[in-house]
Amino acid sequence: MQGSTKPSRTHSFSSRDIGEHYDQFAWAYRRYWGDHIHHGLFLSGEEDSGQSQRLMLQHCASRAGVQAGIMVADVGCGHGGTVNLLAGEYGCSVLGLTISETQLRLARKACESLNGKVRFELADAEAYDFRPASFDLIWNMESTEHFFDKPAYLRKIAGALKPGGRLMVAAWSGSMKDALVQEVARIFLCPELWTPEEYAREIEATGLKISSREELADEVVRTWDISAQQIHKSRWMLSILPAAFTEFTKGIELMREGYRNGQLKYSIIVANKIG
């Protein structure tokens, strides 16, 4: 298959709106998720947010074969937590890309002790000019959900990988045929979510070979349970915040429901560039 020819969708938001969302919600993401604004991996169920997020990063790094000295692009780097771990603890050189000016500022501050090993750029990853054959690993943790043309992006980054390089995608996945998934996509400004099968098919269409694939649900849903608990404690704030924050809390409840009823999965896929 030579990539996707899916019909175009009409969206009520743009990439600029996505950047502004992360600017506006930066304080909320930090309050409820901390410096690592991603899902946590709960192995015992007793982990707190920070411990579970660290476990998720370590799990994905292990799957992706992260080792000292490799060149990594963290596409959708958030507040710099992942860059900090990959550069500071694993010894990688890392480029962090974010579409949010607020995230860029927070990430640079979080990684200021790693000068020479990391750099950050404010960029829309779908429009970014990745140099051919320049990265050992391209790391997409919960960022592809926001992309308008995922097949085109995947083709581009396949070209940006060195021979033997790897792509790691960790993403919320689900079928846009389901009303719950459609609503999650709308609230969190995702043009569309993909199923695990769609990700696998489109990644392989670029010529990359999938070496690892898994779908999680029970192991990650507590991320949203903790968030719901924290928001409940500060519910009084909703009355003085813009309506978008009420939508945000609705999205949290939908994520909890989706992971528990099987409509949502957390997909982790690693693919290799052969030759």
C-alpha atoms as a PDB file:
ATOM      1  CA  MET A   1       0.000   0.000   0.000  1.00  0.00           C
ATOM      2  CA  GLN A   2       1.372   3.417  -0.978  1.00  0.00           C
ATOM      3  CA  GLY A   3       0.142   5.480   1.961  1.00  0.00           C
ATOM      4  CA  SER A   4      -3.384   6.669   2.734  1.00  0.00           C
ATOM      5  CA  THR A   5      -5.922   8.273   0.455  1.00  0.00           C
ATOM      6  CA  LYS A   6      -8.513   8.885   3.181  1.00  0.00           C
ATOM      7  CA  PRO A   7     -11.154  11.511   2.440  1.00  0.00           C
ATOM      8  CA  SER A   8     -10.344  14.909   3.889  1.00  0.00           C
ATOM      9  CA  ARG A   9     -12.165  16.062   7.013  1.00  0.00           C
ATOM     10  CA  THR A  10     -13.384  19.546   7.775  1.00  0.00           C
ATOM     11  CA  HIS A  11     -12.077  20.757  11.124  1.00  0.00           C
ATOM     12  CA  SER A  12     -13.227  23.637  13.261  1.00  0.00           C
ATOM     13  CA  PHE A  13      -9.667  24.160  14.519  1.00  0.00           C
ATOM     14  CA  SER A  14      -6.175  24.584  13.127  1.00  0.00           C
ATOM     15  CA  SER A  15      -2.623  23.798  14.207  1.00  0.00           C
ATOM     16  CA  ARG A  16      -2.485  27.323  15.620  1.00  0.00           C
ATOM     17  CA  ASP A  17      -5.461  26.502  17.855  1.00  0.00           C
ATOM     18  CA  ILE A  18      -3.623  23.429  19.107  1.00  0.00           C
ATOM     19  CA  GLY A  19      -0.599  25.549  20.053  1.00  0.00           C
ATOM     20  CA  GLU A  20      -2.847  28.062  21.813  1.00  0.00           C
ATOM     21  CA  HIS A  21      -4.570  25.227  23.672  1.00  0.00           C
ATOM     22  CA  TYR A  22      -1.257  24.105  25.150  1.00  0.00           C
ATOM     23  CA  ASP A  23      -0.368  27.699  25.949  1.00  0.00           C
ATOM     24  CA  GLN A  24      -3.674  28.221  27.735  1.00  0.00           C
ATOM     25  CA  PHE A  25      -3.706  24.872  29.521  1.00  0.00           C
ATOM     26  CA  ALA A  26      -0.013  24.716  30.471  1.00  0.00           C
ATOM     27  CA  TRP A  27      -0.746  25.443  34.138  1.00  0.00           C
ATOM     28  CA  ALA A  28      -3.499  22.791  34.198  1.00  0.00           C
ATOM     29  CA  TYR A  29      -1.322  20.108  32.610  1.00  0.00           C
ATOM     30  CA  ARG A  30       1.458  20.835  35.099  1.00  0.00           C
ATOM     31  CA  ARG A  31      -0.990  20.860  38.017  1.00  0.00           C
ATOM     32  CA  TYR A  32      -2.634  17.546  37.132  1.00  0.00           C
ATOM     33  CA  TRP A  33       0.170  15.723  35.276  1.00  0.00           C
ATOM     34  CA  GLY A  34       3.411  17.361  36.453  1.00  0.00           C
ATOM     35  CA  ASP A  35       6.479  17.859  34.256  1.00  0.00           C
ATOM     36  CA  HIS A  36       5.775  14.677  32.268  1.00  0.00           C
ATOM     37  CA  ILE A  37       2.445  15.503  30.658  1.00  0.00           C
ATOM     38  CA  HIS A  38       1.876  11.961  29.422  1.00  0.00           C
ATOM     39  CA  HIS A  39       0.187   8.776  30.573  1.00  0.00           C
ATOM     40  CA  GLY A  40       1.689   6.825  33.405  1.00  0.00           C
ATOM     41  CA  LEU A  41       2.334   3.078  33.448  1.00  0.00           C
ATOM     42  CA  PHE A  42       0.837   1.513  36.565  1.00  0.00           C
ATOM     43  CA  LEU A  43       2.358  -1.887  37.219  1.00  0.00           C
ATOM     44  CA  SER A  44       1.330  -2.386  40.849  1.00  0.00           C
ATOM     45  CA  GLY A  45      -1.457   0.190  40.974  1.00  0.00           C
ATOM     46  CA  GLU A  46       0.253   1.871  43.904  1.00  0.00           C
ATOM     47  CA  GLU A  47       2.469   4.222  41.892  1.00  0.00           C
ATOM     48  CA  ASP A  48       1.890   7.951  42.111  1.00  0.00           C
ATOM     49  CA  SER A  49       1.735  10.122  38.979  1.00  0.00           C
ATOM     50  CA  GLY A  50       5.458  10.857  38.841  1.00  0.00           C
ATOM     51  CA  GLN A  51       6.516   7.266  39.409  1.00  0.00           C
ATOM     52  CA  SER A  52       4.094   5.911  36.802  1.00  0.00           C
ATOM     53  CA  GLN A  53       5.149   8.442  34.175  1.00  0.00           C
ATOM     54  CA  ARG A  54       8.785   7.618  34.745  1.00  0.00           C
ATOM     55  CA  LEU A  55       7.955   3.916  34.346  1.00  0.00           C
ATOM     56  CA  MET A  56       6.198   4.681  31.054  1.00  0.00           C
ATOM     57  CA  LEU A  57       9.196   6.598  29.733  1.00  0.00           C
ATOM     58  CA  GLN A  58      11.569   3.815  30.764  1.00  0.00           C
ATOM     59  CA  HIS A  59       9.281   1.212  29.198  1.00  0.00           C
ATOM     60  CA  CYS A  60       9.133   3.070  25.877  1.00  0.00           C
ATOM     61  CA  ALA A  61      12.883   3.741  25.950  1.00  0.00           C
ATOM     62  CA  SER A  62      13.515   0.031  26.458  1.00  0.00           C
ATOM     63  CA  ARG A  63      11.199  -0.889  23.587  1.00  0.00           C
ATOM     64  CA  ALA A  64      12.924   1.661  21.353  1.00  0.00           C
ATOM     65  CA  GLY A  65      16.434   0.490  22.251  1.00  0.00           C
ATOM     66  CA  VAL A  66      17.564   3.862  23.593  1.00  0.00           C
ATOM     67  CA  GLN A  67      21.287   4.033  24.306  1.00  0.00           C
ATOM     68  CA  ALA A  68      23.930   6.658  24.955  1.00  0.00           C
ATOM     69  CA  GLY A  69      25.134   8.756  22.056  1.00  0.00           C
ATOM     70  CA  ILE A  70      22.172   8.417  19.716  1.00  0.00           C
ATOM     71  CA  MET A  71      20.444  11.411  18.113  1.00  0.00           C
ATOM     72  CA  VAL A  72      16.778  11.672  19.051  1.00  0.00           C
ATOM     73  CA  ALA A  73      13.948  13.935  17.883  1.00  0.00           C
ATOM     74  CA  ASP A  74      11.260  14.276  20.560  1.00  0.00           C
ATOM     75  CA  VAL A  75       8.326  15.440  18.446  1.00  0.00           C
ATOM     76  CA  GLY A  76       5.832  17.123  20.742  1.00  0.00           C
ATOM     77  CA  CYS A  77       8.262  17.512  23.638  1.00  0.00           C
ATOM     78  CA  GLY A  78       5.846  19.172  26.060  1.00  0.00           C
ATOM     79  CA  HIS A  79       7.517  20.716  29.083  1.00  0.00           C
ATOM     80  CA  GLY A  80      10.823  18.935  28.436  1.00  0.00           C
ATOM     81  CA  GLY A  81      10.455  16.080  30.891  1.00  0.00           C
ATOM     82  CA  THR A  82      11.197  13.379  28.333  1.00  0.00           C
ATOM     83  CA  VAL A  83      14.101  15.322  26.826  1.00  0.00           C
ATOM     84  CA  ASN A  84      15.548  15.697  30.304  1.00  0.00           C
ATOM     85  CA  LEU A  85      15.444  11.950  30.878  1.00  0.00           C
ATOM     86  CA  LEU A  86      16.727  10.953  27.426  1.00  0.00           C
ATOM     87  CA  ALA A  87      19.639  13.417  27.543  1.00  0.00           C
ATOM     88  CA  GLY A  88      20.358  13.521  31.270  1.00  0.00           C
ATOM     89  CA  GLU A  89      20.034   9.843  32.159  1.00  0.00           C
ATOM     90  CA  TYR A  90      20.423   7.961  28.882  1.00  0.00           C
ATOM     91  CA  GLY A  91      23.101  10.213  27.377  1.00  0.00           C
ATOM     92  CA  CYS A  92      21.305  10.979  24.112  1.00  0.00           C
ATOM     93  CA  SER A  93      21.526  14.146  22.041  1.00  0.00           C
ATOM     94  CA  VAL A  94      17.978  15.423  21.679  1.00  0.00           C
ATOM     95  CA  LEU A  95      16.036  17.857  19.536  1.00  0.00           C
ATOM     96  CA  GLY A  96      12.724  18.822  21.147  1.00  0.00           C
ATOM     97  CA  LEU A  97       9.942  20.190  18.967  1.00  0.00           C
ATOM     98  CA  THR A  98       6.799  21.861  20.308  1.00  0.00           C
ATOM     99  CA  ILE A  99       4.019  23.926  18.774  1.00  0.00           C
ATOM    100  CA  SER A 100       3.461  25.856  22.024  1.00  0.00           C
ATOM    101  CA  GLU A 101       5.468  28.942  23.007  1.00  0.00           C
ATOM    102  CA  THR A 102       4.696  28.335  26.692  1.00  0.00           C
ATOM    103  CA  GLN A 103       5.903  24.736  26.452  1.00  0.00           C
ATOM    104  CA  LEU A 104       9.057  25.905  24.684  1.00  0.00           C
ATOM    105  CA  ARG A 105       9.860  28.299  27.526  1.00  0.00           C
ATOM    106  CA  LEU A 106       9.183  25.671  30.214  1.00  0.00           C
ATOM    107  CA  ALA A 107      11.191  23.000  28.377  1.00  0.00           C
ATOM    108  CA  ARG A 108      14.231  25.227  27.963  1.00  0.00           C
ATOM    109  CA  LYS A 109      14.144  26.082  31.649  1.00  0.00           C
ATOM    110  CA  ALA A 110      13.756  22.428  32.668  1.00  0.00           C
ATOM    111  CA  CYS A 111      16.764  21.410  30.551  1.00  0.00           C
ATOM    112  CA  GLU A 112      19.050  24.420  31.010  1.00  0.00           C
ATOM    113  CA  SER A 113      21.688  22.270  32.731  1.00  0.00           C
ATOM    114  CA  LEU A 114      21.962  20.117  29.589  1.00  0.00           C
ATOM    115  CA  ASN A 115      23.309  22.762  27.224  1.00  0.00           C
ATOM    116  CA  GLY A 116      25.161  21.148  24.351  1.00  0.00           C
ATOM    117  CA  LYS A 117      23.130  17.941  24.536  1.00  0.00           C
ATOM    118  CA  VAL A 118      19.679  19.365  23.831  1.00  0.00           C
ATOM    119  CA  ARG A 119      18.056  22.032  21.753  1.00  0.00           C
ATOM    120  CA  PHE A 120      14.456  23.086  21.307  1.00  0.00           C
ATOM    121  CA  GLU A 121      12.553  24.600  18.427  1.00  0.00           C
ATOM    122  CA  LEU A 122       9.093  26.124  18.163  1.00  0.00           C
ATOM    123  CA  ALA A 123       7.636  24.325  15.166  1.00  0.00           C
ATOM    124  CA  ASP A 124       4.635  22.586  13.675  1.00  0.00           C
ATOM    125  CA  ALA A 125       6.013  19.071  13.206  1.00  0.00           C
ATOM    126  CA  GLU A 126       3.878  18.494  10.118  1.00  0.00           C
ATOM    127  CA  ALA A 127       5.564  21.433   8.395  1.00  0.00           C
ATOM    128  CA  TYR A 128       9.034  20.980   9.915  1.00  0.00           C
ATOM    129  CA  ASP A 129      11.946  20.376   7.546  1.00  0.00           C
ATOM    130  CA  PHE A 130      13.539  17.226   8.950  1.00  0.00           C
ATOM    131  CA  ARG A 131      16.973  16.659   7.456  1.00  0.00           C
ATOM    132  CA  PRO A 132      17.187  13.309   5.622  1.00  0.00           C
ATOM    133  CA  ALA A 133      18.882  10.436   7.458  1.00  0.00           C
ATOM    134  CA  SER A 134      19.687  12.575  10.507  1.00  0.00           C
ATOM    135  CA  PHE A 135      18.104  10.776  13.487  1.00  0.00           C
ATOM    136  CA  ASP A 136      18.673   7.429  15.175  1.00  0.00           C
ATOM    137  CA  LEU A 137      15.287   7.647  16.886  1.00  0.00           C
ATOM    138  CA  ILE A 138      12.171   9.718  16.330  1.00  0.00           C
ATOM    139  CA  TRP A 139      10.046   9.737  19.469  1.00  0.00           C
ATOM    140  CA  ASN A 140       6.338  10.593  19.205  1.00  0.00           C
ATOM    141  CA  MET A 141       4.684  10.330  22.601  1.00  0.00           C
ATOM    142  CA  GLU A 142       1.048  11.444  22.456  1.00  0.00           C
ATOM    143  CA  SER A 143       1.620  13.933  19.650  1.00  0.00           C
ATOM    144  CA  THR A 144       0.471  12.203  16.452  1.00  0.00           C
ATOM    145  CA  GLU A 145      -3.122  12.473  17.717  1.00  0.00           C
ATOM    146  CA  HIS A 146      -2.924  16.186  16.853  1.00  0.00           C
ATOM    147  CA  PHE A 147      -1.653  15.737  13.293  1.00  0.00           C
ATOM    148  CA  PHE A 148      -3.949  16.540  10.364  1.00  0.00           C
ATOM    149  CA  ASP A 149      -2.163  14.347   7.794  1.00  0.00           C
ATOM    150  CA  LYS A 150      -0.584  11.469   9.672  1.00  0.00           C
ATOM    151  CA  PRO A 151       0.395   9.445   6.575  1.00  0.00           C
ATOM    152  CA  ALA A 152       2.340  12.392   5.118  1.00  0.00           C
ATOM    153  CA  TYR A 153       4.078  12.972   8.446  1.00  0.00           C
ATOM    154  CA  LEU A 154       5.042   9.310   8.740  1.00  0.00           C
ATOM    155  CA  ARG A 155       6.489   9.298   5.228  1.00  0.00           C
ATOM    156  CA  LYS A 156       8.538  12.383   6.036  1.00  0.00           C
ATOM    157  CA  ILE A 157      10.044  11.064   9.247  1.00  0.00           C
ATOM    158  CA  ALA A 158      10.790   7.692   7.691  1.00  0.00           C
ATOM    159  CA  GLY A 159      13.116   9.648   5.424  1.00  0.00           C
ATOM    160  CA  ALA A 160      14.606  11.491   8.393  1.00  0.00           C
ATOM    161  CA  LEU A 161      15.731   8.263  10.071  1.00  0.00           C
ATOM    162  CA  LYS A 162      19.233   6.949   9.541  1.00  0.00           C
ATOM    163  CA  PRO A 163      19.562   3.390   8.189  1.00  0.00           C
ATOM    164  CA  GLY A 164      18.860   1.180  11.203  1.00  0.00           C
ATOM    165  CA  GLY A 165      17.058   4.034  12.932  1.00  0.00           C
ATOM    166  CA  ARG A 166      13.795   3.620  14.828  1.00  0.00           C
ATOM    167  CA  LEU A 167      10.434   5.274  15.188  1.00  0.00           C
ATOM    168  CA  MET A 168       8.591   5.105  18.524  1.00  0.00           C
ATOM    169  CA  VAL A 169       4.923   6.080  18.559  1.00  0.00           C
ATOM    170  CA  ALA A 170       2.880   6.078  21.764  1.00  0.00           C
ATOM    171  CA  ALA A 171      -0.655   7.232  21.117  1.00  0.00           C
ATOM    172  CA  TRP A 172      -4.252   7.164  22.272  1.00  0.00           C
ATOM    173  CA  SER A 173      -5.974   4.894  19.786  1.00  0.00           C
ATOM    174  CA  GLY A 174      -9.578   4.182  18.912  1.00  0.00           C
ATOM    175  CA  SER A 175     -12.069   4.055  16.064  1.00  0.00           C
ATOM    176  CA  MET A 176     -13.638   7.283  14.848  1.00  0.00           C
ATOM    177  CA  LYS A 177     -16.775   5.222  14.195  1.00  0.00           C
ATOM    178  CA  ASP A 178     -17.408   5.348  17.954  1.00  0.00           C
ATOM    179  CA  ALA A 179     -19.188   8.429  19.310  1.00  0.00           C
ATOM    180  CA  LEU A 180     -17.062   8.439  22.459  1.00  0.00           C
ATOM    181  CA  VAL A 181     -13.840   8.465  20.438  1.00  0.00           C
ATOM    182  CA  GLN A 182     -15.174  11.275  18.249  1.00  0.00           C
ATOM    183  CA  GLU A 183     -15.958  13.335  21.345  1.00  0.00           C
ATOM    184  CA  VAL A 184     -12.536  12.706  22.887  1.00  0.00           C
ATOM    185  CA  ALA A 185     -10.954  13.833  19.613  1.00  0.00           C
ATOM    186  CA  ARG A 186     -13.070  16.984  19.527  1.00  0.00           C
ATOM    187  CA  ILE A 187     -12.395  18.015  23.133  1.00  0.00           C
ATOM    188  CA  PHE A 188      -8.651  17.446  22.946  1.00  0.00           C
ATOM    189  CA  LEU A 189      -8.264  19.000  19.461  1.00  0.00           C
ATOM    190  CA  CYS A 190      -7.315  15.811  17.640  1.00  0.00           C
ATOM    191  CA  PRO A 191      -8.304  15.872  13.945  1.00  0.00           C
ATOM    192  CA  GLU A 192      -8.862  12.144  14.284  1.00  0.00           C
ATOM    193  CA  LEU A 193      -7.678   9.222  16.371  1.00  0.00           C
ATOM    194  CA  TRP A 194      -6.495   6.050  14.687  1.00  0.00           C
ATOM    195  CA  THR A 195      -6.934   2.432  15.641  1.00  0.00           C
ATOM    196  CA  PRO A 196      -3.784   0.392  16.367  1.00  0.00           C
ATOM    197  CA  GLU A 197      -4.311  -1.324  13.016  1.00  0.00           C
ATOM    198  CA  GLU A 198      -4.368   1.991  11.163  1.00  0.00           C
ATOM    199  CA  TYR A 199      -1.114   3.048  12.812  1.00  0.00           C
ATOM    200  CA  ALA A 200       0.532  -0.275  11.941  1.00  0.00           C
ATOM    201  CA  ARG A 201      -0.674  -0.180   8.344  1.00  0.00           C
ATOM    202  CA  GLU A 202       0.442   3.389   7.671  1.00  0.00           C
ATOM    203  CA  ILE A 203       3.808   2.958   9.392  1.00  0.00           C
ATOM    204  CA  GLU A 204       4.554  -0.125   7.316  1.00  0.00           C
ATOM    205  CA  ALA A 205       3.414   1.725   4.167  1.00  0.00           C
ATOM    206  CA  THR A 206       6.477   3.987   4.604  1.00  0.00           C
ATOM    207  CA  GLY A 207       8.795   0.985   4.337  1.00  0.00           C
ATOM    208  CA  LEU A 208       9.528   0.789   8.060  1.00  0.00           C
ATOM    209  CA  LYS A 209       9.308  -2.634   9.711  1.00  0.00           C
ATOM    210  CA  ILE A 210       7.405  -2.925  12.981  1.00  0.00           C
ATOM    211  CA  SER A 211       9.467  -4.668  15.653  1.00  0.00           C
ATOM    212  CA  SER A 212       7.226  -4.142  18.664  1.00  0.00           C
ATOM    213  CA  ARG A 213       3.547  -3.375  19.182  1.00  0.00           C
ATOM    214  CA  GLU A 214       1.329  -3.410  22.252  1.00  0.00           C
ATOM    215  CA  GLU A 215      -2.005  -1.990  23.393  1.00  0.00           C
ATOM    216  CA  LEU A 216      -2.542  -1.012  27.021  1.00  0.00           C
ATOM    217  CA  ALA A 217      -5.674   0.035  28.905  1.00  0.00           C
ATOM    218  CA  ASP A 218      -5.836  -1.193  32.502  1.00  0.00           C
ATOM    219  CA  GLU A 219      -2.174  -0.265  32.908  1.00  0.00           C
ATOM    220  CA  VAL A 220      -2.747   3.405  32.044  1.00  0.00           C
ATOM    221  CA  VAL A 221      -6.321   4.351  32.995  1.00  0.00           C
ATOM    222  CA  ARG A 222      -5.321   5.326  36.518  1.00  0.00           C
ATOM    223  CA  THR A 223      -3.646   8.379  34.935  1.00  0.00           C
ATOM    224  CA  TRP A 224      -7.122   9.753  34.361  1.00  0.00           C
ATOM    225  CA  ASP A 225      -8.518   8.505  37.686  1.00  0.00           C
ATOM    226  CA  ILE A 226      -5.864  10.538  39.510  1.00  0.00           C
ATOM    227  CA  SER A 227      -6.624  13.564  37.360  1.00  0.00           C
ATOM    228  CA  ALA A 228     -10.349  13.254  38.084  1.00  0.00           C
ATOM    229  CA  GLN A 229      -9.647  13.044  41.811  1.00  0.00           C
ATOM    230  CA  GLN A 230      -7.484  16.150  41.711  1.00  0.00           C
ATOM    231  CA  ILE A 231     -10.031  18.114  39.711  1.00  0.00           C
ATOM    232  CA  HIS A 232     -12.792  17.082  42.129  1.00  0.00           C
ATOM    233  CA  LYS A 233     -10.776  18.588  44.966  1.00  0.00           C
ATOM    234  CA  SER A 234     -10.523  21.897  43.122  1.00  0.00           C
ATOM    235  CA  ARG A 235     -13.961  21.889  41.468  1.00  0.00           C
ATOM    236  CA  TRP A 236     -14.691  25.311  42.887  1.00  0.00           C
ATOM    237  CA  MET A 237     -12.238  26.717  40.333  1.00  0.00           C
ATOM    238  CA  LEU A 238     -14.427  25.728  37.378  1.00  0.00           C
ATOM    239  CA  SER A 239     -16.946  28.450  38.169  1.00  0.00           C
ATOM    240  CA  ILE A 240     -14.349  31.154  37.545  1.00  0.00           C
ATOM    241  CA  LEU A 241     -12.574  29.583  34.565  1.00  0.00           C
ATOM    242  CA  PRO A 242     -13.478  29.782  30.853  1.00  0.00           C
ATOM    243  CA  ALA A 243     -15.893  27.167  29.486  1.00  0.00           C
ATOM    244  CA  ALA A 244     -12.996  25.350  27.799  1.00  0.00           C
ATOM    245  CA  PHE A 245     -11.901  24.071  31.198  1.00  0.00           C
ATOM    246  CA  THR A 246     -15.301  22.490  31.824  1.00  0.00           C
ATOM    247  CA  GLU A 247     -14.903  20.715  28.478  1.00  0.00           C
ATOM    248  CA  PHE A 248     -11.476  19.575  29.647  1.00  0.00           C
ATOM    249  CA  THR A 249     -12.992  17.878  32.708  1.00  0.00           C
ATOM    250  CA  LYS A 250     -15.601  16.209  30.494  1.00  0.00           C
ATOM    251  CA  GLY A 251     -12.779  14.845  28.371  1.00  0.00           C
ATOM    252  CA  ILE A 252     -11.125  13.312  31.417  1.00  0.00           C
ATOM    253  CA  GLU A 253     -14.294  11.394  32.260  1.00  0.00           C
ATOM    254  CA  LEU A 254     -14.612  10.174  28.673  1.00  0.00           C
ATOM    255  CA  MET A 255     -11.018   8.933  28.710  1.00  0.00           C
ATOM    256  CA  ARG A 256     -11.731   6.962  31.891  1.00  0.00           C
ATOM    257  CA  GLU A 257     -14.837   5.446  30.339  1.00  0.00           C
ATOM    258  CA  GLY A 258     -13.164   4.670  27.020  1.00  0.00           C
ATOM    259  CA  TYR A 259     -10.228   2.790  28.543  1.00  0.00           C
ATOM    260  CA  ARG A 260     -12.576   0.763  30.723  1.00  0.00           C
ATOM    261  CA  ASN A 261     -15.102  -0.169  28.044  1.00  0.00           C
ATOM    262  CA  GLY A 262     -12.475  -1.039  25.413  1.00  0.00           C
ATOM    263  CA  GLN A 263     -13.123   1.836  22.998  1.00  0.00           C
ATOM    264  CA  LEU A 264      -9.730   3.393  23.747  1.00  0.00           C
ATOM    265  CA  LYS A 265      -6.298   1.813  23.921  1.00  0.00           C
ATOM    266  CA  TYR A 266      -2.831   3.195  24.571  1.00  0.00           C
ATOM    267  CA  SER A 267      -0.757   1.937  21.651  1.00  0.00           C
ATOM    268  CA  ILE A 268       3.025   1.714  21.707  1.00  0.00           C
ATOM    269  CA  ILE A 269       4.635   0.867  18.371  1.00  0.00           C
ATOM    270  CA  VAL A 270       8.327   0.675  17.471  1.00  0.00           C
ATOM    271  CA  ALA A 271       9.434   0.339  13.857  1.00  0.00           C
ATOM    272  CA  ASN A 272      12.884  -0.008  12.284  1.00  0.00           C
ATOM    273  CA  LYS A 273      14.363   1.434   9.114  1.00  0.00           C
ATOM    274  CA  ILE A 274      16.056  -1.458   7.376  1.00  0.00           C
ATOM    275  CA  GLY A 275      19.228  -0.976   5.348  1.00  0.00           C
END
